[in-house]
Each structure stands twice: as C-alpha cells, then as structure tokens.
C-alpha atoms as a PDB file:
ATOM      1  CA  MET A   1     270.834 248.046  34.033  1.00  0.00           C
ATOM      2  CA  ASP A   2     274.237 249.566  33.285  1.00  0.00           C
ATOM      3  CA  ASP A   3     274.623 250.832  36.849  1.00  0.00           C
ATOM      4  CA  ALA A   4     273.639 247.429  38.224  1.00  0.00           C
ATOM      5  CA  ALA A   5     276.244 245.758  36.008  1.00  0.00           C
ATOM      6  CA  LEU A   6     278.866 248.227  37.229  1.00  0.00           C
ATOM      7  CA  LEU A   7     278.008 247.494  40.857  1.00  0.00           C
ATOM      8  CA  GLU A   8     278.129 243.781  40.120  1.00  0.00           C
ATOM      9  CA  SER A   9     281.586 244.126  38.541  1.00  0.00           C
ATOM     10  CA  GLU A  10     282.727 245.910  41.729  1.00  0.00           C
ATOM     11  CA  ARG A  11     281.416 242.973  43.807  1.00  0.00           C
ATOM     12  CA  ARG A  12     278.636 245.073  45.324  1.00  0.00           C
ATOM     13  CA  LYS A  13     276.127 242.262  44.954  1.00  0.00           C
ATOM     14  CA  ALA A  14     273.392 243.554  47.260  1.00  0.00           C
ATOM     15  CA  ASN A  15     273.324 246.942  45.532  1.00  0.00           C
ATOM     16  CA  ALA A  16     273.428 245.372  42.070  1.00  0.00           C
ATOM     17  CA  SER A  17     270.554 243.068  43.017  1.00  0.00           C
ATOM     18  CA  GLN A  18     268.472 246.057  44.098  1.00  0.00           C
ATOM     19  CA  LEU A  19     269.000 247.864  40.809  1.00  0.00           C
ATOM     20  CA  TYR A  20     268.197 244.738  38.799  1.00  0.00           C
ATOM     21  CA  GLY A  21     264.960 244.505  40.780  1.00  0.00           C
ATOM     22  CA  TYR A  22     264.065 248.123  40.093  1.00  0.00           C
ATOM     23  CA  ALA A  23     264.872 247.678  36.395  1.00  0.00           C
ATOM     24  CA  ALA A  24     262.565 244.667  36.284  1.00  0.00           C
ATOM     25  CA  GLU A  25     259.801 246.689  37.974  1.00  0.00           C
ATOM     26  CA  CYS A  26     260.149 249.380  35.326  1.00  0.00           C
ATOM     27  CA  ALA A  27     259.938 246.807  32.537  1.00  0.00           C
ATOM     28  CA  LEU A  28     256.792 245.191  33.926  1.00  0.00           C
ATOM     29  CA  ILE A  29     255.099 248.519  34.565  1.00  0.00           C
ATOM     30  CA  GLY A  30     256.082 249.614  31.056  1.00  0.00           C
ATOM     31  CA  ILE A  31     254.409 246.493  29.667  1.00  0.00           C
ATOM     32  CA  ALA A  32     251.321 247.153  31.787  1.00  0.00           C
ATOM     33  CA  LEU A  33     251.114 250.727  30.488  1.00  0.00           C
ATOM     34  CA  LYS A  34     251.560 249.671  26.855  1.00  0.00           C
ATOM     35  CA  ARG A  35     248.912 246.942  27.231  1.00  0.00           C
ATOM     36  CA  GLY A  36     246.429 249.266  28.966  1.00  0.00           C
ATOM     37  CA  LEU A  37     246.517 247.318  32.230  1.00  0.00           C
ATOM     38  CA  THR A  38     247.270 250.419  34.304  1.00  0.00           C
ATOM     39  CA  THR A  39     247.596 254.173  33.979  1.00  0.00           C
ATOM     40  CA  MET A  40     249.941 256.820  35.304  1.00  0.00           C
ATOM     41  CA  GLY A  41     248.643 259.378  37.746  1.00  0.00           C
ATOM     42  CA  MET A  42     250.212 262.386  39.399  1.00  0.00           C
ATOM     43  CA  ASP A  43     251.964 260.117  41.917  1.00  0.00           C
ATOM     44  CA  GLY A  44     253.113 257.476  39.440  1.00  0.00           C
ATOM     45  CA  VAL A  45     251.531 254.219  38.435  1.00  0.00           C
ATOM     46  CA  GLU A  46     247.953 253.723  39.586  1.00  0.00           C
ATOM     47  CA  GLY A  47     246.407 250.742  41.317  1.00  0.00           C
ATOM     48  CA  ASN A  48     247.839 247.600  42.796  1.00  0.00           C
ATOM     49  CA  LEU A  49     251.110 247.694  40.828  1.00  0.00           C
ATOM     50  CA  ARG A  50     252.743 250.078  43.301  1.00  0.00           C
ATOM     51  CA  VAL A  51     254.793 247.335  44.933  1.00  0.00           C
ATOM     52  CA  HIS A  52     258.329 246.020  44.517  1.00  0.00           C
ATOM     53  CA  ILE A  53     259.296 243.255  42.109  1.00  0.00           C
ATOM     54  CA  ASN A  54     259.005 240.318  44.507  1.00  0.00           C
ATOM     55  CA  LEU A  55     255.315 241.201  44.990  1.00  0.00           C
ATOM     56  CA  LEU A  56     254.732 242.795  41.595  1.00  0.00           C
ATOM     57  CA  TRP A  57     255.597 239.653  39.632  1.00  0.00           C
ATOM     58  CA  PRO A  58     252.727 237.441  40.912  1.00  0.00           C
ATOM     59  CA  LYS A  59     250.216 240.297  40.584  1.00  0.00           C
ATOM     60  CA  PHE A  60     251.390 240.981  37.051  1.00  0.00           C
ATOM     61  CA  VAL A  61     251.235 237.333  36.000  1.00  0.00           C
ATOM     62  CA  SER A  62     247.671 237.150  37.336  1.00  0.00           C
ATOM     63  CA  MET A  63     246.728 240.248  35.333  1.00  0.00           C
ATOM     64  CA  LEU A  64     248.109 238.700  32.148  1.00  0.00           C
ATOM     65  CA  ARG A  65     246.110 235.489  32.410  1.00  0.00           C
ATOM     66  CA  GLY A  66     243.568 235.594  29.639  1.00  0.00           C
ATOM     67  CA  ARG A  67     243.444 235.286  25.909  1.00  0.00           C
ATOM     68  CA  GLU A  68     244.452 238.829  24.946  1.00  0.00           C
ATOM     69  CA  HIS A  69     247.706 238.784  26.949  1.00  0.00           C
ATOM     70  CA  ALA A  70     248.695 235.132  26.450  1.00  0.00           C
ATOM     71  CA  ALA A  71     251.640 235.979  24.181  1.00  0.00           C
ATOM     72  CA  VAL A  72     253.142 238.358  26.751  1.00  0.00           C
ATOM     73  CA  LEU A  73     252.675 235.837  29.562  1.00  0.00           C
ATOM     74  CA  SER A  74     254.254 233.137  27.429  1.00  0.00           C
ATOM     75  CA  ALA A  75     257.208 235.388  26.602  1.00  0.00           C
ATOM     76  CA  LEU A  76     257.773 236.271  30.267  1.00  0.00           C
ATOM     77  CA  GLY A  77     257.219 232.797  31.666  1.00  0.00           C
ATOM     78  CA  GLU A  78     255.582 232.252  35.023  1.00  0.00           C
ATOM     79  CA  LYS A  79     258.647 231.556  37.206  1.00  0.00           C
ATOM     80  CA  ASN A  80     259.495 234.566  39.367  1.00  0.00           C
ATOM     81  CA  PRO A  81     263.262 235.184  39.246  1.00  0.00           C
ATOM     82  CA  PHE A  82     262.813 237.763  42.026  1.00  0.00           C
ATOM     83  CA  SER A  83     260.980 235.658  44.621  1.00  0.00           C
ATOM     84  CA  SER A  84     263.943 236.034  47.009  1.00  0.00           C
ATOM     85  CA  TRP A  85     264.404 239.776  46.321  1.00  0.00           C
ATOM     86  CA  ARG A  86     263.621 242.085  49.247  1.00  0.00           C
ATOM     87  CA  ASN A  87     263.689 245.875  49.220  1.00  0.00           C
ATOM     88  CA  ARG A  88     265.066 245.946  52.765  1.00  0.00           C
ATOM     89  CA  ASP A  89     268.210 244.072  51.650  1.00  0.00           C
ATOM     90  CA  ARG A  90     269.657 247.307  50.306  1.00  0.00           C
ATOM     91  CA  TYR A  91     270.130 248.468  53.888  1.00  0.00           C
ATOM     92  CA  THR A  92     272.172 245.460  55.006  1.00  0.00           C
ATOM     93  CA  ASP A  93     275.465 243.854  54.137  1.00  0.00           C
ATOM     94  CA  THR A  94     273.761 240.469  54.060  1.00  0.00           C
ATOM     95  CA  GLY A  95     271.392 241.101  51.160  1.00  0.00           C
ATOM     96  CA  CYS A  96     272.040 238.960  48.083  1.00  0.00           C
ATOM     97  CA  ASN A  97     275.536 237.727  48.716  1.00  0.00           C
ATOM     98  CA  ASP A  98     274.828 234.620  46.670  1.00  0.00           C
ATOM     99  CA  SER A  99     276.216 234.710  43.114  1.00  0.00           C
ATOM    100  CA  ALA A 100     273.504 232.368  41.816  1.00  0.00           C
ATOM    101  CA  GLU A 101     270.783 234.600  43.255  1.00  0.00           C
ATOM    102  CA  LEU A 102     272.376 237.692  41.730  1.00  0.00           C
ATOM    103  CA  GLU A 103     272.652 235.935  38.371  1.00  0.00           C
ATOM    104  CA  SER A 104     268.952 235.073  38.576  1.00  0.00           C
ATOM    105  CA  HIS A 105     268.133 238.734  39.244  1.00  0.00           C
ATOM    106  CA  ARG A 106     270.353 239.942  36.386  1.00  0.00           C
ATOM    107  CA  LYS A 107     268.984 237.432  33.896  1.00  0.00           C
ATOM    108  CA  GLY A 108     265.433 238.132  35.058  1.00  0.00           C
ATOM    109  CA  ALA A 109     265.838 241.879  34.561  1.00  0.00           C
ATOM    110  CA  GLU A 110     267.468 241.396  31.156  1.00  0.00           C
ATOM    111  CA  HIS A 111     264.670 239.074  30.075  1.00  0.00           C
ATOM    112  CA  MET A 112     261.930 241.450  31.248  1.00  0.00           C
ATOM    113  CA  ARG A 113     263.591 244.339  29.446  1.00  0.00           C
ATOM    114  CA  ALA A 114     263.725 242.254  26.259  1.00  0.00           C
ATOM    115  CA  VAL A 115     260.026 241.395  26.558  1.00  0.00           C
ATOM    116  CA  PHE A 116     259.211 245.062  27.208  1.00  0.00           C
ATOM    117  CA  ASP A 117     261.133 246.007  24.046  1.00  0.00           C
ATOM    118  CA  ARG A 118     259.116 243.474  22.041  1.00  0.00           C
ATOM    119  CA  VAL A 119     255.845 244.872  23.443  1.00  0.00           C
ATOM    120  CA  ARG A 120     256.965 248.462  22.852  1.00  0.00           C
ATOM    121  CA  LEU A 121     257.872 247.695  19.229  1.00  0.00           C
ATOM    122  CA  GLY A 122     254.609 245.865  18.605  1.00  0.00           C
ATOM    123  CA  LYS A 123     256.320 242.503  18.119  1.00  0.00           C
ATOM    124  CA  LEU A 124     254.068 240.707  20.626  1.00  0.00           C
ATOM    125  CA  PRO A 125     250.331 240.496  19.938  1.00  0.00           C
END
C-alpha cells in the first residue's frame, strides 16, 4: 500500500492502481486463508482464487454467501471497487488515468486491508 501511495503521489496512476489491486488480492486471500476457505500449496494459493482482483472479487463474494461468513461479507460489502481494474493496464500508458477510478481502487484496497485486520484479530465472527 505504501508503494502504491508513493506512485500515486508521483502521478503514476496506472502503476499505483496495479499495486492497489495486488494489495486487495492479498487481503482477500488472507481472509480466505484465515476463514479456511482455501489453503496454500507449493505454488501459492490453491483452487479458483488464483485470479486477479477484478475476477477474484465476485468469486470471493460468492464463497462468503452463507450464515458462517455473513459478518465478513457485510463488512466487505458486495460492490466491487475493482470491476474496471485490468492486469494488462500495467503495460500501457492508458491504464487508469482517471482520478476517480484510482480513488476507488485506493479506497477499496484500504477497506479490504481493514477487514482483513479485523478477521486476523478475531474481531469478526
């Protein structure tokens, strides 16, 4: 998150957006690991969570639907702040040049990190 903020302050929006997306991926996978929704193998996270944030979010929300994960789903919300995020944008100058889009990615990553911290500390049932 700190590196993304630095890139954002240097007006490197596309690069900052990418790092916010990766930070959000880490937060969601961290939640999935803590909640027993996935495991880590030799090559990283197992199963259908090996995708980037724009695709990970809807899969993750679907996994959380159900009584035992309702508090986490409620804390995250169901709106995907990364629906416009694309991994390929890091290779172009045209990726995420919109300040509103970048703000959505930053706020989304910050929110997911905060929810992960609550899960990690046992503050969400």
